[in-house]
PDB file of N, CA and C in Angstrom:
ATOM      1  N   UNK A   1      97.287  87.514  92.502  1.00  0.00           N
ATOM      2  CA  UNK A   1      98.251  87.796  91.433  1.00  0.00           C
ATOM      3  C   UNK A   1      97.765  88.856  90.447  1.00  0.00           C
ATOM      4  N   UNK A   2      96.483  88.829  90.108  1.00  0.00           N
ATOM      5  CA  UNK A   2      95.965  89.809  89.147  1.00  0.00           C
ATOM      6  C   UNK A   2      96.024  91.218  89.731  1.00  0.00           C
ATOM      7  N   UNK A   3      95.627  91.370  90.991  1.00  0.00           N
ATOM      8  CA  UNK A   3      95.655  92.681  91.625  1.00  0.00           C
ATOM      9  C   UNK A   3      97.094  93.170  91.772  1.00  0.00           C
ATOM     10  N   UNK A   4      98.006  92.276  92.111  1.00  0.00           N
ATOM     11  CA  UNK A   4      99.418  92.648  92.214  1.00  0.00           C
ATOM     12  C   UNK A   4      99.932  93.144  90.867  1.00  0.00           C
ATOM     13  N   UNK A   5      99.508  92.497  89.801  1.00  0.00           N
ATOM     14  CA  UNK A   5      99.906  92.928  88.462  1.00  0.00           C
ATOM     15  C   UNK A   5      99.393  94.315  88.126  1.00  0.00           C
ATOM     16  N   UNK A   6      98.166  94.609  88.548  1.00  0.00           N
ATOM     17  CA  UNK A   6      97.596  95.945  88.321  1.00  0.00           C
ATOM     18  C   UNK A   6      98.413  96.994  89.071  1.00  0.00           C
ATOM     19  N   UNK A   7      98.747  96.706  90.323  1.00  0.00           N
ATOM     20  CA  UNK A   7      99.556  97.642  91.109  1.00  0.00           C
ATOM     21  C   UNK A   7     100.929  97.848  90.480  1.00  0.00           C
ATOM     22  N   UNK A   8     101.530  96.770  89.992  1.00  0.00           N
ATOM     23  CA  UNK A   8     102.841  96.883  89.364  1.00  0.00           C
ATOM     24  C   UNK A   8     102.761  97.728  88.089  1.00  0.00           C
ATOM     25  N   UNK A   9     101.714  97.534  87.305  1.00  0.00           N
ATOM     26  CA  UNK A   9     101.527  98.353  86.098  1.00  0.00           C
ATOM     27  C   UNK A   9     101.385  99.834  86.457  1.00  0.00           C
ATOM     28  N   UNK A  10     100.628 100.127  87.510  1.00  0.00           N
ATOM     29  CA  UNK A  10     100.474 101.514  87.947  1.00  0.00           C
ATOM     30  C   UNK A  10     101.809 102.101  88.401  1.00  0.00           C
ATOM     31  N   UNK A  11     102.593 101.299  89.099  1.00  0.00           N
ATOM     32  CA  UNK A  11     103.916 101.760  89.535  1.00  0.00           C
ATOM     33  C   UNK A  11     104.792 102.071  88.330  1.00  0.00           C
ATOM     34  N   UNK A  12     104.785 101.186  87.354  1.00  0.00           N
ATOM     35  CA  UNK A  12     105.583 101.416  86.146  1.00  0.00           C
ATOM     36  C   UNK A  12     105.113 102.671  85.417  1.00  0.00           C
ATOM     37  N   UNK A  13     103.778 102.863  85.339  1.00  0.00           N
ATOM     38  CA  UNK A  13     103.235 104.055  84.682  1.00  0.00           C
ATOM     39  C   UNK A  13     103.697 105.338  85.381  1.00  0.00           C
ATOM     40  N   UNK A  14     103.949 105.234  86.683  1.00  0.00           N
ATOM     41  CA  UNK A  14     104.407 106.389  87.459  1.00  0.00           C
ATOM     42  C   UNK A  14     105.928 106.523  87.450  1.00  0.00           C
ATOM     43  N   UNK A  15     106.614 105.655  86.703  1.00  0.00           N
ATOM     44  CA  UNK A  15     108.065 105.720  86.615  1.00  0.00           C
ATOM     45  C   UNK A  15     108.782 105.025  87.756  1.00  0.00           C
ATOM     46  N   UNK A  16     108.073 104.163  88.466  1.00  0.00           N
ATOM     47  CA  UNK A  16     108.659 103.452  89.596  1.00  0.00           C
ATOM     48  C   UNK A  16     109.006 102.022  89.222  1.00  0.00           C
ATOM     49  N   UNK A  17     109.914 101.446  89.952  1.00  0.00           N
ATOM     50  CA  UNK A  17     110.237 100.036  89.798  1.00  0.00           C
ATOM     51  C   UNK A  17     109.465  99.259  90.854  1.00  0.00           C
ATOM     52  N   UNK A  18     109.234  97.999  90.598  1.00  0.00           N
ATOM     53  CA  UNK A  18     108.523  97.188  91.574  1.00  0.00           C
ATOM     54  C   UNK A  18     108.808  95.717  91.394  1.00  0.00           C
ATOM     55  N   UNK A  19     108.585  94.982  92.444  1.00  0.00           N
ATOM     56  CA  UNK A  19     108.747  93.530  92.444  1.00  0.00           C
ATOM     57  C   UNK A  19     107.525  92.942  93.116  1.00  0.00           C
ATOM     58  N   UNK A  20     107.021  91.862  92.565  1.00  0.00           N
ATOM     59  CA  UNK A  20     105.923  91.143  93.187  1.00  0.00           C
ATOM     60  C   UNK A  20     106.511  89.920  93.877  1.00  0.00           C
ATOM     61  N   UNK A  21     106.223  89.794  95.148  1.00  0.00           N
ATOM     62  CA  UNK A  21     106.662  88.613  95.885  1.00  0.00           C
ATOM     63  C   UNK A  21     105.603  87.537  95.716  1.00  0.00           C
ATOM     64  N   UNK A  22     105.981  86.372  95.215  1.00  0.00           N
ATOM     65  CA  UNK A  22     104.990  85.325  94.946  1.00  0.00           C
ATOM     66  C   UNK A  22     104.387  84.715  96.210  1.00  0.00           C
ATOM     67  N   UNK A  23     105.060  84.838  97.339  1.00  0.00           N
ATOM     68  CA  UNK A  23     104.534  84.303  98.588  1.00  0.00           C
ATOM     69  C   UNK A  23     104.721  85.322  99.695  1.00  0.00           C
ATOM     70  N   UNK A  24     103.793  85.329 100.617  1.00  0.00           N
ATOM     71  CA  UNK A  24     103.927  86.217 101.758  1.00  0.00           C
ATOM     72  C   UNK A  24     105.103  85.841 102.629  1.00  0.00           C
ATOM     73  N   UNK A  25     105.341  84.532 102.749  1.00  0.00           N
ATOM     74  CA  UNK A  25     106.415  84.076 103.629  1.00  0.00           C
ATOM     75  C   UNK A  25     107.795  84.492 103.140  1.00  0.00           C
ATOM     76  N   UNK A  26     107.965  84.701 101.852  1.00  0.00           N
ATOM     77  CA  UNK A  26     109.256  85.123 101.314  1.00  0.00           C
ATOM     78  C   UNK A  26     109.434  86.631 101.269  1.00  0.00           C
ATOM     79  N   UNK A  27     108.390  87.370 101.598  1.00  0.00           N
ATOM     80  CA  UNK A  27     108.430  88.817 101.470  1.00  0.00           C
ATOM     81  C   UNK A  27     109.406  89.477 102.432  1.00  0.00           C
ATOM     82  N   UNK A  28     109.454  89.013 103.674  1.00  0.00           N
ATOM     83  CA  UNK A  28     110.359  89.627 104.650  1.00  0.00           C
ATOM     84  C   UNK A  28     111.816  89.483 104.198  1.00  0.00           C
ATOM     85  N   UNK A  29     112.187  88.303 103.733  1.00  0.00           N
ATOM     86  CA  UNK A  29     113.559  88.087 103.258  1.00  0.00           C
ATOM     87  C   UNK A  29     113.836  88.940 102.025  1.00  0.00           C
ATOM     88  N   UNK A  30     112.868  89.027 101.130  1.00  0.00           N
ATOM     89  CA  UNK A  30     113.032  89.844  99.924  1.00  0.00           C
ATOM     90  C   UNK A  30     113.183  91.324 100.295  1.00  0.00           C
ATOM     91  N   UNK A  31     112.406  91.773 101.256  1.00  0.00           N
ATOM     92  CA  UNK A  31     112.503  93.179 101.697  1.00  0.00           C
ATOM     93  C   UNK A  31     113.850  93.461 102.349  1.00  0.00           C
ATOM     94  N   UNK A  32     114.350  92.512 103.138  1.00  0.00           N
ATOM     95  CA  UNK A  32     115.678  92.701 103.746  1.00  0.00           C
ATOM     96  C   UNK A  32     116.743  92.810 102.665  1.00  0.00           C
ATOM     97  N   UNK A  33     116.634  91.988 101.645  1.00  0.00           N
ATOM     98  CA  UNK A  33     117.641  91.958 100.582  1.00  0.00           C
ATOM     99  C   UNK A  33     117.547  93.194  99.674  1.00  0.00           C
ATOM    100  N   UNK A  34     116.338  93.545  99.250  1.00  0.00           N
ATOM    101  CA  UNK A  34     116.158  94.597  98.247  1.00  0.00           C
ATOM    102  C   UNK A  34     116.070  96.002  98.846  1.00  0.00           C
ATOM    103  N   UNK A  35     115.684  96.127 100.116  1.00  0.00           N
ATOM    104  CA  UNK A  35     115.519  97.423 100.777  1.00  0.00           C
ATOM    105  C   UNK A  35     114.706  98.395  99.916  1.00  0.00           C
ATOM    106  N   UNK A  36     113.446  98.052  99.634  1.00  0.00           N
ATOM    107  CA  UNK A  36     112.621  98.928  98.795  1.00  0.00           C
ATOM    108  C   UNK A  36     112.287 100.226  99.509  1.00  0.00           C
ATOM    109  N   UNK A  37     111.858 101.211  98.740  1.00  0.00           N
ATOM    110  CA  UNK A  37     111.435 102.498  99.303  1.00  0.00           C
ATOM    111  C   UNK A  37     110.111 102.362 100.041  1.00  0.00           C
ATOM    112  N   UNK A  38     109.295 101.401  99.629  1.00  0.00           N
ATOM    113  CA  UNK A  38     107.995 101.171 100.248  1.00  0.00           C
ATOM    114  C   UNK A  38     107.511  99.770  99.884  1.00  0.00           C
ATOM    115  N   UNK A  39     106.557  99.289 100.653  1.00  0.00           N
ATOM    116  CA  UNK A  39     105.939  97.983 100.409  1.00  0.00           C
ATOM    117  C   UNK A  39     104.431  98.182 100.384  1.00  0.00           C
ATOM    118  N   UNK A  40     103.777  97.589  99.391  1.00  0.00           N
ATOM    119  CA  UNK A  40     102.324  97.523  99.353  1.00  0.00           C
ATOM    120  C   UNK A  40     101.957  96.093  99.712  1.00  0.00           C
ATOM    121  N   UNK A  41     101.169  95.936 100.768  1.00  0.00           N
ATOM    122  CA  UNK A  41     100.862  94.616 101.311  1.00  0.00           C
ATOM    123  C   UNK A  41      99.371  94.362 101.289  1.00  0.00           C
ATOM    124  N   UNK A  42      98.965  93.371 100.503  1.00  0.00           N
ATOM    125  CA  UNK A  42      97.585  92.898 100.527  1.00  0.00           C
ATOM    126  C   UNK A  42      97.501  91.878 101.654  1.00  0.00           C
ATOM    127  N   UNK A  43      96.623  92.096 102.603  1.00  0.00           N
ATOM    128  CA  UNK A  43      96.543  91.206 103.764  1.00  0.00           C
ATOM    129  C   UNK A  43      95.988  89.834 103.422  1.00  0.00           C
ATOM    130  N   UNK A  44      95.352  89.692 102.279  1.00  0.00           N
ATOM    131  CA  UNK A  44      94.764  88.416 101.890  1.00  0.00           C
ATOM    132  C   UNK A  44      95.773  87.503 101.217  1.00  0.00           C
ATOM    133  N   UNK A  45      96.735  87.015 101.972  1.00  0.00           N
ATOM    134  CA  UNK A  45      97.781  86.153 101.435  1.00  0.00           C
ATOM    135  C   UNK A  45      97.370  84.690 101.559  1.00  0.00           C
ATOM    136  N   UNK A  46      97.885  83.858 100.678  1.00  0.00           N
ATOM    137  CA  UNK A  46      97.499  82.447 100.683  1.00  0.00           C
ATOM    138  C   UNK A  46      98.312  81.602 101.657  1.00  0.00           C
ATOM    139  N   UNK A  47      99.507  82.049 102.006  1.00  0.00           N
ATOM    140  CA  UNK A  47     100.390  81.171 102.775  1.00  0.00           C
ATOM    141  C   UNK A  47     100.743  81.674 104.171  1.00  0.00           C
ATOM    142  N   UNK A  48     100.389  82.919 104.492  1.00  0.00           N
ATOM    143  CA  UNK A  48     100.708  83.480 105.802  1.00  0.00           C
ATOM    144  C   UNK A  48      99.673  84.570 106.097  1.00  0.00           C
ATOM    145  N   UNK A  49      99.331  84.727 107.347  1.00  0.00           N
ATOM    146  CA  UNK A  49      98.413  85.790 107.735  1.00  0.00           C
ATOM    147  C   UNK A  49      99.090  87.135 107.467  1.00  0.00           C
ATOM    148  N   UNK A  50      98.412  88.019 106.757  1.00  0.00           N
ATOM    149  CA  UNK A  50      98.990  89.317 106.406  1.00  0.00           C
ATOM    150  C   UNK A  50      99.384  90.144 107.614  1.00  0.00           C
ATOM    151  N   UNK A  51      98.643  90.009 108.712  1.00  0.00           N
ATOM    152  CA  UNK A  51      98.988  90.746 109.927  1.00  0.00           C
ATOM    153  C   UNK A  51     100.274  90.214 110.544  1.00  0.00           C
ATOM    154  N   UNK A  52     100.497  88.916 110.433  1.00  0.00           N
ATOM    155  CA  UNK A  52     101.756  88.330 110.920  1.00  0.00           C
ATOM    156  C   UNK A  52     102.919  88.894 110.111  1.00  0.00           C
ATOM    157  N   UNK A  53     102.751  88.955 108.797  1.00  0.00           N
ATOM    158  CA  UNK A  53     103.810  89.510 107.945  1.00  0.00           C
ATOM    159  C   UNK A  53     104.047  90.982 108.267  1.00  0.00           C
ATOM    160  N   UNK A  54     102.986  91.757 108.435  1.00  0.00           N
ATOM    161  CA  UNK A  54     103.140  93.171 108.790  1.00  0.00           C
ATOM    162  C   UNK A  54     103.906  93.308 110.098  1.00  0.00           C
ATOM    163  N   UNK A  55     103.570  92.498 111.074  1.00  0.00           N
ATOM    164  CA  UNK A  55     104.269  92.550 112.360  1.00  0.00           C
ATOM    165  C   UNK A  55     105.734  92.147 112.213  1.00  0.00           C
ATOM    166  N   UNK A  56     106.008  91.129 111.385  1.00  0.00           N
ATOM    167  CA  UNK A  56     107.404  90.733 111.136  1.00  0.00           C
ATOM    168  C   UNK A  56     108.192  91.888 110.517  1.00  0.00           C
ATOM    169  N   UNK A  57     107.602  92.543 109.534  1.00  0.00           N
ATOM    170  CA  UNK A  57     108.275  93.657 108.864  1.00  0.00           C
ATOM    171  C   UNK A  57     108.520  94.819 109.818  1.00  0.00           C
ATOM    172  N   UNK A  58     107.554  95.116 110.685  1.00  0.00           N
ATOM    173  CA  UNK A  58     107.691  96.232 111.622  1.00  0.00           C
ATOM    174  C   UNK A  58     108.712  95.935 112.714  1.00  0.00           C
ATOM    175  N   UNK A  59     108.876  94.666 113.088  1.00  0.00           N
ATOM    176  CA  UNK A  59     109.763  94.320 114.201  1.00  0.00           C
ATOM    177  C   UNK A  59     111.165  93.896 113.780  1.00  0.00           C
ATOM    178  N   UNK A  60     111.411  93.820 112.490  1.00  0.00           N
ATOM    179  CA  UNK A  60     112.730  93.459 111.981  1.00  0.00           C
ATOM    180  C   UNK A  60     113.545  94.742 111.809  1.00  0.00           C
ATOM    181  N   UNK A  61     114.698  94.862 112.470  1.00  0.00           N
ATOM    182  CA  UNK A  61     115.497  96.091 112.343  1.00  0.00           C
ATOM    183  C   UNK A  61     115.870  96.426 110.894  1.00  0.00           C
ATOM    184  N   UNK A  62     115.949  95.417 110.030  1.00  0.00           N
ATOM    185  CA  UNK A  62     116.327  95.654 108.635  1.00  0.00           C
ATOM    186  C   UNK A  62     115.176  96.179 107.782  1.00  0.00           C
ATOM    187  N   UNK A  63     113.925  96.026 108.260  1.00  0.00           N
ATOM    188  CA  UNK A  63     112.777  96.463 107.465  1.00  0.00           C
ATOM    189  C   UNK A  63     111.856  97.431 108.212  1.00  0.00           C
ATOM    190  N   UNK A  64     112.154  97.697 109.460  1.00  0.00           N
ATOM    191  CA  UNK A  64     111.259  98.509 110.292  1.00  0.00           C
ATOM    192  C   UNK A  64     111.029  99.914 109.730  1.00  0.00           C
ATOM    193  N   UNK A  65     112.000 100.482 109.039  1.00  0.00           N
ATOM    194  CA  UNK A  65     111.863 101.850 108.526  1.00  0.00           C
ATOM    195  C   UNK A  65     111.199 101.916 107.151  1.00  0.00           C
ATOM    196  N   UNK A  66     110.952 100.774 106.530  1.00  0.00           N
ATOM    197  CA  UNK A  66     110.313 100.756 105.212  1.00  0.00           C
ATOM    198  C   UNK A  66     108.813 100.966 105.401  1.00  0.00           C
ATOM    199  N   UNK A  67     108.225 102.017 104.799  1.00  0.00           N
ATOM    200  CA  UNK A  67     106.782 102.216 104.924  1.00  0.00           C
ATOM    201  C   UNK A  67     106.024 101.058 104.273  1.00  0.00           C
ATOM    202  N   UNK A  68     105.017 100.563 104.981  1.00  0.00           N
ATOM    203  CA  UNK A  68     104.172  99.485 104.466  1.00  0.00           C
ATOM    204  C   UNK A  68     102.757 100.033 104.326  1.00  0.00           C
ATOM    205  N   UNK A  69     102.269 100.069 103.095  1.00  0.00           N
ATOM    206  CA  UNK A  69     100.902 100.510 102.832  1.00  0.00           C
ATOM    207  C   UNK A  69     100.048  99.271 102.601  1.00  0.00           C
ATOM    208  N   UNK A  70      99.000  99.124 103.383  1.00  0.00           N
ATOM    209  CA  UNK A  70      98.166  97.928 103.368  1.00  0.00           C
ATOM    210  C   UNK A  70      96.962  98.122 102.458  1.00  0.00           C
ATOM    211  N   UNK A  71      96.652  97.072 101.703  1.00  0.00           N
ATOM    212  CA  UNK A  71      95.440  96.998 100.901  1.00  0.00           C
ATOM    213  C   UNK A  71      94.568  95.960 101.588  1.00  0.00           C
ATOM    214  N   UNK A  72      93.359  96.357 102.016  1.00  0.00           N
ATOM    215  CA  UNK A  72      92.540  95.422 102.781  1.00  0.00           C
ATOM    216  C   UNK A  72      91.096  95.874 102.817  1.00  0.00           C
ATOM    217  N   UNK A  73      90.260  94.992 103.349  1.00  0.00           N
ATOM    218  CA  UNK A  73      88.884  95.360 103.634  1.00  0.00           C
ATOM    219  C   UNK A  73      88.860  96.386 104.751  1.00  0.00           C
ATOM    220  N   UNK A  74      87.903  97.283 104.745  1.00  0.00           N
ATOM    221  CA  UNK A  74      87.835  98.390 105.686  1.00  0.00           C
ATOM    222  C   UNK A  74      87.756  97.992 107.139  1.00  0.00           C
ATOM    223  N   UNK A  75      87.169  96.846 107.424  1.00  0.00           N
ATOM    224  CA  UNK A  75      87.008  96.448 108.818  1.00  0.00           C
ATOM    225  C   UNK A  75      88.331  96.126 109.494  1.00  0.00           C
ATOM    226  N   UNK A  76      89.391  95.981 108.746  1.00  0.00           N
ATOM    227  CA  UNK A  76      90.704  95.648 109.304  1.00  0.00           C
ATOM    228  C   UNK A  76      91.678  96.821 109.279  1.00  0.00           C
ATOM    229  N   UNK A  77      91.240  97.964 108.781  1.00  0.00           N
ATOM    230  CA  UNK A  77      92.130  99.104 108.625  1.00  0.00           C
ATOM    231  C   UNK A  77      92.730  99.558 109.950  1.00  0.00           C
ATOM    232  N   UNK A  78      91.911  99.676 110.980  1.00  0.00           N
ATOM    233  CA  UNK A  78      92.424 100.140 112.273  1.00  0.00           C
ATOM    234  C   UNK A  78      93.461  99.176 112.830  1.00  0.00           C
ATOM    235  N   UNK A  79      93.235  97.864 112.639  1.00  0.00           N
ATOM    236  CA  UNK A  79      94.202  96.868 113.113  1.00  0.00           C
ATOM    237  C   UNK A  79      95.542  97.034 112.407  1.00  0.00           C
ATOM    238  N   UNK A  80      95.501  97.261 111.100  1.00  0.00           N
ATOM    239  CA  UNK A  80      96.737  97.433 110.333  1.00  0.00           C
ATOM    240  C   UNK A  80      97.480  98.686 110.771  1.00  0.00           C
ATOM    241  N   UNK A  81      96.751  99.763 110.978  1.00  0.00           N
ATOM    242  CA  UNK A  81      97.388 101.008 111.421  1.00  0.00           C
ATOM    243  C   UNK A  81      97.987 100.849 112.812  1.00  0.00           C
ATOM    244  N   UNK A  82      97.304 100.113 113.677  1.00  0.00           N
ATOM    245  CA  UNK A  82      97.820  99.882 115.030  1.00  0.00           C
ATOM    246  C   UNK A  82      99.116  99.075 115.008  1.00  0.00           C
ATOM    247  N   UNK A  83      99.279  98.217 114.003  1.00  0.00           N
ATOM    248  CA  UNK A  83     100.502  97.417 113.887  1.00  0.00           C
ATOM    249  C   UNK A  83     101.628  98.162 113.175  1.00  0.00           C
ATOM    250  N   UNK A  84     101.368  99.388 112.725  1.00  0.00           N
ATOM    251  CA  UNK A  84     102.434 100.182 112.137  1.00  0.00           C
ATOM    252  C   UNK A  84     102.351 100.412 110.647  1.00  0.00           C
ATOM    253  N   UNK A  85     101.218 100.077 110.024  1.00  0.00           N
ATOM    254  CA  UNK A  85     101.075 100.369 108.598  1.00  0.00           C
ATOM    255  C   UNK A  85     101.120 101.872 108.387  1.00  0.00           C
ATOM    256  N   UNK A  86     101.767 102.296 107.316  1.00  0.00           N
ATOM    257  CA  UNK A  86     101.865 103.717 106.992  1.00  0.00           C
ATOM    258  C   UNK A  86     100.535 104.266 106.496  1.00  0.00           C
ATOM    259  N   UNK A  87      99.705 103.392 105.953  1.00  0.00           N
ATOM    260  CA  UNK A  87      98.396 103.782 105.443  1.00  0.00           C
ATOM    261  C   UNK A  87      97.633 102.555 105.009  1.00  0.00           C
ATOM    262  N   UNK A  88      96.345 102.747 104.727  1.00  0.00           N
ATOM    263  CA  UNK A  88      95.484 101.641 104.313  1.00  0.00           C
ATOM    264  C   UNK A  88      94.614 102.113 103.161  1.00  0.00           C
ATOM    265  N   UNK A  89      94.529 101.310 102.123  1.00  0.00           N
ATOM    266  CA  UNK A  89      93.581 101.518 101.040  1.00  0.00           C
ATOM    267  C   UNK A  89      92.577 100.385 101.121  1.00  0.00           C
ATOM    268  N   UNK A  90      91.306 100.737 101.161  1.00  0.00           N
ATOM    269  CA  UNK A  90      90.264  99.732 101.299  1.00  0.00           C
ATOM    270  C   UNK A  90      89.873  99.152  99.950  1.00  0.00           C
ATOM    271  N   UNK A  91      89.614  97.839  99.956  1.00  0.00           N
ATOM    272  CA  UNK A  91      89.090  97.169  98.776  1.00  0.00           C
ATOM    273  C   UNK A  91      87.575  97.302  98.799  1.00  0.00           C
ATOM    274  N   UNK A  92      86.935  97.376  97.680  1.00  0.00           N
ATOM    275  CA  UNK A  92      87.552  97.498  96.365  1.00  0.00           C
ATOM    276  C   UNK A  92      88.074  98.917  96.161  1.00  0.00           C
ATOM    277  N   UNK A  93      89.206  99.023  95.537  1.00  0.00           N
ATOM    278  CA  UNK A  93      89.830 100.320  95.281  1.00  0.00           C
ATOM    279  C   UNK A  93      89.723 100.642  93.801  1.00  0.00           C
ATOM    280  N   UNK A  94      89.421 101.899  93.502  1.00  0.00           N
ATOM    281  CA  UNK A  94      89.348 102.279  92.092  1.00  0.00           C
ATOM    282  C   UNK A  94      90.713 102.810  91.633  1.00  0.00           C
ATOM    283  N   UNK A  95      90.830 103.027  90.367  1.00  0.00           N
ATOM    284  CA  UNK A  95      92.095 103.443  89.757  1.00  0.00           C
ATOM    285  C   UNK A  95      92.637 104.722  90.396  1.00  0.00           C
ATOM    286  N   UNK A  96      91.761 105.685  90.686  1.00  0.00           N
ATOM    287  CA  UNK A  96      92.213 106.962  91.259  1.00  0.00           C
ATOM    288  C   UNK A  96      92.831 106.758  92.640  1.00  0.00           C
ATOM    289  N   UNK A  97      92.280 105.855  93.439  1.00  0.00           N
ATOM    290  CA  UNK A  97      92.816 105.610  94.762  1.00  0.00           C
ATOM    291  C   UNK A  97      94.181 104.939  94.711  1.00  0.00           C
ATOM    292  N   UNK A  98      94.416 104.160  93.683  1.00  0.00           N
ATOM    293  CA  UNK A  98      95.667 103.410  93.568  1.00  0.00           C
ATOM    294  C   UNK A  98      96.769 104.208  92.888  1.00  0.00           C
ATOM    295  N   UNK A  99      96.417 105.245  92.185  1.00  0.00           N
ATOM    296  CA  UNK A  99      97.418 106.033  91.443  1.00  0.00           C
ATOM    297  C   UNK A  99      98.158 106.990  92.337  1.00  0.00           C
TER     298      UNK A  99
END
């Protein structure tokens, strides 16, 4: 939640709107409903494997075209890209990388 808040603050500072999904399992439904321009996905979710969510988003016709940028440890970056992530930012990330 704290990291999501930091990302949301950065988005607001850049003049963007954003929504934080409180659960990974509700994210796919929220993305279908809201049709965001992009999704930032931290793979370290408490209720669902982040790779499962990424795969759900990529395989759903309603969300497949939405770019998903993954925030994760470096050892998983290639896996995320192979599943269709638009990009990966490795943790820990500094302010410049997130802006």
